[in-house]
Amino acid sequence: MNQLQKKSLTISFFLGILFLFLALIPGWFVVLFIILLVAVVAAWFYNFEIGSQKKAWLFHNLRFLILPFLFNIGASLFIVSFFQTGTKVILALIVALANYYLFIALRRVHNLGEKAAIFQRNVIISVAFLSVFLSLSALFRFYVTFSVSDNFKIPQVFLVIMTGLIFFGVSHFLAWENGLDMKKFSPYNLVTALIGAETAWITSIWIVNYPVFGTSEKSNLGGSPLSAIILTIVFYLAWGVISHKADKSLTRNVITEYIFLSFLFLFILILTAKWLPSF
């Protein structure tokens, strides 16, 4: 086991312990969640040896914090939405394993740049799509929970802006990670963010089943955050087509593939989803 693997194993071990605590001690969620945020940032410092670099390196490496941050925050909120302890423990172990491969892939892409192995890039792309789903799942759960609260309500504009920022952040990192010209790709990032924000605005008015955080009888809904699933599919389609266009590799076959898979996923979702709230 080389030094990079040992570092990643250490990170995934400690993050995995925190996720297990989240699964087994839900009453301590707020404290453990704050500790998790600090731990993710500390893992970023440790993995990229930020402390030994100049301030310019610190700013440059901030982009490598996007995926670990979105992935782990979204995963923590996703895990606590389940009621079965066994399911939460299994998910916590899966997240720990994913963190192991993610931090290895991020560091190798950081070190090797365009020469990084295809496997490492595929790991990052896979976790990126998963991060979009998990972070948006958490965002929509909070939105639905507090939209029925009598004390505090999250405005719809917050949901729309946050979705756009998530789309923009992940799209920006994937574009850089795939070696695209960032100056030329910036307008495409904005288009991707706008597509996400508009889709979030449209889907936010749907009445569907959501797992939510709260004890209010009004918010006692169950199910999956369908808007988050649809937005992930939209991100897959938009970023895939736009990135190939920017890379000058967009062909009719590529467009057909992305459209076919996107509509296939949507078709399966429409057939299997429960569209009415269950109280």
Protein backbone atom coordinates (compact mmCIF):
# COMPACT_ATOMS: atom_id res chain seq x y z
CA MET A 1 0.00 0.00 0.00
CA ASN A 2 1.55 3.31 -1.09
CA GLN A 3 1.45 6.63 0.78
CA LEU A 4 -1.56 7.95 -1.16
CA GLN A 5 -3.61 4.84 -0.41
CA LYS A 6 -2.68 5.06 3.28
CA LYS A 7 -3.82 8.68 3.38
CA SER A 8 -7.08 7.90 1.65
CA LEU A 9 -7.67 4.91 3.95
CA THR A 10 -7.13 7.12 7.00
CA ILE A 11 -9.57 9.71 5.68
CA SER A 12 -12.24 7.17 4.75
CA PHE A 13 -11.84 5.43 8.12
CA PHE A 14 -12.46 8.56 10.20
CA LEU A 15 -15.26 9.78 7.94
CA GLY A 16 -16.76 6.29 8.08
CA ILE A 17 -16.74 6.42 11.90
CA LEU A 18 -18.63 9.72 11.79
CA PHE A 19 -21.19 8.26 9.38
CA LEU A 20 -21.67 5.25 11.66
CA PHE A 21 -22.30 7.61 14.58
CA LEU A 22 -24.83 9.47 12.42
CA ALA A 23 -26.55 6.17 11.68
CA LEU A 24 -26.53 4.88 15.28
CA ILE A 25 -27.01 8.12 17.27
CA PRO A 26 -29.52 10.24 15.29
CA GLY A 27 -30.18 12.40 18.35
CA TRP A 28 -26.68 13.88 18.01
CA PHE A 29 -27.18 14.80 14.36
CA VAL A 30 -26.46 18.53 14.64
CA VAL A 31 -23.21 18.05 16.58
CA LEU A 32 -22.04 15.19 14.35
CA PHE A 33 -22.97 17.12 11.20
CA ILE A 34 -20.83 20.08 12.26
CA ILE A 35 -17.95 17.73 13.10
CA LEU A 36 -18.38 16.12 9.66
CA LEU A 37 -18.08 19.50 7.92
CA VAL A 38 -14.85 20.22 9.77
CA ALA A 39 -13.58 16.68 9.06
CA VAL A 40 -14.16 17.01 5.30
CA VAL A 41 -12.20 20.27 5.18
CA ALA A 42 -9.45 18.72 7.34
CA ALA A 43 -9.34 15.71 4.99
CA TRP A 44 -8.92 18.08 2.05
CA PHE A 45 -5.99 19.80 3.81
CA TYR A 46 -4.45 16.44 4.71
CA ASN A 47 -4.91 14.81 1.30
CA PHE A 48 -3.48 17.70 -0.71
CA GLU A 49 -0.92 18.85 1.87
CA ILE A 50 -2.37 22.35 1.70
CA GLY A 51 -0.56 23.49 4.82
CA SER A 52 2.84 23.14 3.14
CA GLN A 53 1.85 25.15 0.06
CA LYS A 54 1.60 28.86 -0.70
CA LYS A 55 -1.66 30.80 -0.65
CA ALA A 56 -1.90 30.55 -4.44
CA TRP A 57 -1.95 26.75 -4.12
CA LEU A 58 -4.66 27.04 -1.48
CA PHE A 59 -6.94 28.93 -3.86
CA HIS A 60 -6.09 26.62 -6.77
CA ASN A 61 -6.92 23.51 -4.77
CA LEU A 62 -10.28 24.81 -3.55
CA ARG A 63 -11.88 23.18 -6.58
CA PHE A 64 -10.92 19.79 -5.15
CA LEU A 65 -13.14 20.49 -2.15
CA ILE A 66 -16.34 20.72 -4.22
CA LEU A 67 -17.03 17.01 -4.65
CA PRO A 68 -16.02 15.79 -1.15
CA PHE A 69 -18.11 18.60 0.36
CA LEU A 70 -21.26 17.99 -1.70
CA PHE A 71 -20.93 14.22 -1.59
CA ASN A 72 -20.43 13.88 2.18
CA ILE A 73 -22.99 16.50 3.19
CA GLY A 74 -25.57 15.03 0.84
CA ALA A 75 -24.74 11.48 1.96
CA SER A 76 -25.09 12.36 5.65
CA LEU A 77 -28.52 13.91 5.15
CA PHE A 78 -29.54 11.05 2.88
CA ILE A 79 -28.58 8.44 5.49
CA VAL A 80 -30.48 10.05 8.35
CA SER A 81 -33.64 10.14 6.23
CA PHE A 82 -33.93 6.35 6.65
CA PHE A 83 -35.56 4.80 9.69
CA GLN A 84 -33.98 1.32 9.56
CA THR A 85 -30.68 1.26 11.48
CA GLY A 86 -29.33 -1.64 9.42
CA THR A 87 -29.91 0.25 6.18
CA LYS A 88 -28.20 3.34 7.56
CA VAL A 89 -25.16 1.32 8.68
CA ILE A 90 -24.82 -0.31 5.24
CA LEU A 91 -25.06 3.09 3.54
CA ALA A 92 -22.45 4.51 5.93
CA LEU A 93 -20.01 1.74 4.96
CA ILE A 94 -20.68 2.31 1.25
CA VAL A 95 -20.04 6.05 1.66
CA ALA A 96 -16.77 5.32 3.49
CA LEU A 97 -15.65 3.06 0.62
CA ALA A 98 -16.63 5.70 -1.93
CA ASN A 99 -14.58 8.30 -0.03
CA TYR A 100 -11.54 6.01 -0.20
CA TYR A 101 -11.63 5.85 -4.00
CA LEU A 102 -12.69 9.49 -4.34
CA PHE A 103 -9.72 10.95 -2.44
CA ILE A 104 -7.29 8.69 -4.32
CA ALA A 105 -8.78 9.76 -7.65
CA LEU A 106 -8.76 13.46 -6.75
CA ARG A 107 -5.12 13.40 -5.71
CA ARG A 108 -4.00 11.47 -8.79
CA VAL A 109 -5.87 13.84 -11.10
CA HIS A 110 -4.30 16.72 -9.16
CA ASN A 111 -0.79 15.25 -9.56
CA LEU A 112 -1.00 13.94 -13.11
CA GLY A 113 -3.35 16.45 -14.75
CA GLU A 114 -4.34 15.35 -18.24
CA LYS A 115 -2.22 12.19 -17.89
CA ALA A 116 -4.39 10.84 -15.08
CA ALA A 117 -5.74 7.34 -15.62
CA ILE A 118 -9.14 6.98 -17.24
CA PHE A 119 -10.32 4.93 -14.26
CA GLN A 120 -9.60 7.83 -11.86
CA ARG A 121 -11.50 10.24 -14.06
CA ASN A 122 -14.44 7.84 -14.32
CA VAL A 123 -14.52 7.55 -10.52
CA ILE A 124 -14.69 11.33 -10.22
CA ILE A 125 -17.42 11.64 -12.85
CA SER A 126 -19.48 8.91 -11.17
CA VAL A 127 -19.15 10.54 -7.74
CA ALA A 128 -19.96 13.92 -9.33
CA PHE A 129 -23.35 12.69 -10.58
CA LEU A 130 -23.97 11.01 -7.22
CA SER A 131 -23.02 14.26 -5.44
CA VAL A 132 -25.54 16.19 -7.52
CA PHE A 133 -28.27 13.72 -6.57
CA LEU A 134 -27.39 13.57 -2.86
CA SER A 135 -26.96 17.32 -2.38
CA LEU A 136 -30.16 18.11 -4.27
CA SER A 137 -32.01 15.40 -2.34
CA ALA A 138 -31.04 17.11 0.91
CA LEU A 139 -31.92 20.53 -0.49
CA PHE A 140 -35.39 19.48 -1.63
CA ARG A 141 -36.09 17.63 1.61
CA PHE A 142 -35.35 20.75 3.62
CA TYR A 143 -37.41 22.87 1.23
CA VAL A 144 -40.44 20.59 1.50
CA THR A 145 -40.07 20.24 5.27
CA PHE A 146 -39.95 23.95 5.95
CA SER A 147 -42.50 24.85 3.27
CA VAL A 148 -45.14 23.31 5.56
CA SER A 149 -43.68 24.71 8.77
CA ASP A 150 -45.61 27.42 10.58
CA ASN A 151 -42.48 28.92 12.16
CA PHE A 152 -39.97 29.19 9.32
CA LYS A 153 -40.28 28.79 5.58
CA ILE A 154 -37.50 28.53 3.00
CA PRO A 155 -38.27 30.78 0.01
CA GLN A 156 -38.47 29.20 -3.41
CA VAL A 157 -35.77 31.53 -4.74
CA PHE A 158 -33.29 29.94 -2.28
CA LEU A 159 -34.00 26.51 -3.75
CA VAL A 160 -33.54 27.80 -7.30
CA ILE A 161 -30.29 29.66 -6.57
CA MET A 162 -28.75 26.78 -4.62
CA THR A 163 -29.58 24.32 -7.42
CA GLY A 164 -27.94 26.63 -9.94
CA LEU A 165 -24.83 26.91 -7.76
CA ILE A 166 -24.58 23.12 -7.38
CA PHE A 167 -24.91 22.66 -11.14
CA PHE A 168 -22.32 25.36 -11.79
CA GLY A 169 -19.80 24.07 -9.21
CA VAL A 170 -19.88 20.45 -10.35
CA SER A 171 -19.91 21.40 -14.03
CA HIS A 172 -16.93 23.73 -13.52
CA PHE A 173 -14.91 21.04 -11.77
CA LEU A 174 -15.73 18.34 -14.33
CA ALA A 175 -14.81 20.67 -17.18
CA TRP A 176 -11.45 21.43 -15.59
CA GLU A 177 -10.88 17.78 -14.67
CA ASN A 178 -11.49 16.76 -18.30
CA GLY A 179 -8.96 19.28 -19.59
CA LEU A 180 -11.39 21.68 -21.29
CA ASP A 181 -10.49 25.32 -21.93
CA MET A 182 -12.01 27.00 -18.85
CA LYS A 183 -12.28 30.45 -20.44
CA LYS A 184 -14.24 29.09 -23.36
CA PHE A 185 -16.27 26.76 -21.17
CA SER A 186 -17.41 29.42 -18.66
CA PRO A 187 -20.51 30.39 -20.71
CA TYR A 188 -21.43 26.69 -20.94
CA ASN A 189 -21.17 26.43 -17.15
CA LEU A 190 -23.61 29.31 -16.84
CA VAL A 191 -26.01 27.66 -19.30
CA THR A 192 -25.84 24.40 -17.29
CA ALA A 193 -26.53 26.32 -14.07
CA LEU A 194 -29.50 28.14 -15.63
CA ILE A 195 -30.97 24.87 -16.91
CA GLY A 196 -30.70 23.41 -13.41
CA ALA A 197 -32.21 26.50 -11.76
CA GLU A 198 -35.14 26.60 -14.18
CA THR A 199 -35.82 22.88 -13.75
CA ALA A 200 -35.71 23.29 -9.96
CA TRP A 201 -38.20 26.16 -10.19
CA ILE A 202 -40.61 24.06 -12.27
CA THR A 203 -40.33 20.86 -10.23
CA SER A 204 -40.55 22.64 -6.86
CA ILE A 205 -44.33 23.00 -7.25
CA TRP A 206 -44.94 19.27 -7.76
CA ILE A 207 -46.79 17.35 -5.07
CA VAL A 208 -44.76 14.16 -4.76
CA ASN A 209 -43.45 11.90 -2.01
CA TYR A 210 -40.41 13.19 -0.17
CA PRO A 211 -38.49 11.94 2.85
CA VAL A 212 -38.17 15.04 5.00
CA PHE A 213 -36.57 16.20 8.21
CA GLY A 214 -39.03 17.11 10.93
CA THR A 215 -41.59 15.78 13.35
CA SER A 216 -44.53 17.89 12.26
CA GLU A 217 -47.57 15.88 11.20
CA LYS A 218 -47.79 18.08 8.13
CA SER A 219 -44.32 17.05 7.04
CA ASN A 220 -44.71 13.35 7.69
CA LEU A 221 -44.18 12.32 4.08
CA GLY A 222 -42.29 9.33 2.80
CA GLY A 223 -40.67 8.36 -0.47
CA SER A 224 -37.93 9.63 -2.76
CA PRO A 225 -37.10 13.20 -3.79
CA LEU A 226 -38.25 12.88 -7.39
CA SER A 227 -37.18 16.41 -8.29
CA ALA A 228 -33.61 15.58 -7.26
CA ILE A 229 -33.64 12.47 -9.45
CA ILE A 230 -34.99 14.41 -12.42
CA LEU A 231 -32.45 17.19 -11.90
CA THR A 232 -29.64 14.63 -11.84
CA ILE A 233 -30.86 13.27 -15.17
CA VAL A 234 -31.06 16.84 -16.53
CA PHE A 235 -27.50 17.50 -15.35
CA TYR A 236 -26.31 14.29 -17.03
CA LEU A 237 -27.92 15.33 -20.33
CA ALA A 238 -26.91 19.00 -20.23
CA TRP A 239 -23.33 18.52 -19.10
CA GLY A 240 -22.76 15.55 -21.41
CA VAL A 241 -23.92 17.33 -24.55
CA ILE A 242 -22.33 20.68 -23.66
CA SER A 243 -18.96 19.14 -22.71
CA HIS A 244 -18.79 17.21 -25.98
CA LYS A 245 -19.71 20.40 -27.85
CA ALA A 246 -16.94 22.35 -26.11
CA ASP A 247 -14.50 19.51 -26.77
CA LYS A 248 -15.54 19.45 -30.44
CA SER A 249 -16.46 15.78 -30.17
CA LEU A 250 -20.22 16.17 -30.40
CA THR A 251 -21.70 13.90 -33.06
CA ARG A 252 -25.17 12.67 -33.93
CA ASN A 253 -24.47 9.36 -32.21
CA VAL A 254 -23.37 11.12 -29.00
CA ILE A 255 -26.54 13.27 -28.93
CA THR A 256 -28.69 10.21 -29.61
CA GLU A 257 -27.01 8.28 -26.80
CA TYR A 258 -27.49 11.01 -24.19
CA ILE A 259 -31.07 11.72 -25.20
CA PHE A 260 -31.98 8.02 -25.30
CA LEU A 261 -30.51 7.29 -21.86
CA SER A 262 -32.03 10.42 -20.33
CA PHE A 263 -35.53 9.63 -21.61
CA LEU A 264 -35.11 5.99 -20.59
CA PHE A 265 -34.30 7.06 -17.02
CA LEU A 266 -37.24 9.48 -17.01
CA PHE A 267 -39.57 6.81 -18.38
CA ILE A 268 -38.55 4.35 -15.65
CA LEU A 269 -38.95 7.09 -13.04
CA ILE A 270 -42.46 7.99 -14.23
CA LEU A 271 -43.54 4.34 -14.16
CA THR A 272 -42.12 3.54 -10.73
CA ALA A 273 -42.68 6.79 -8.81
CA LYS A 274 -45.48 7.38 -6.32
CA TRP A 275 -46.86 10.76 -7.30
CA LEU A 276 -49.29 11.25 -4.43
CA PRO A 277 -48.34 12.09 -0.85
CA SER A 278 -48.88 9.32 1.70
CA PHE A 279 -49.80 10.37 5.21
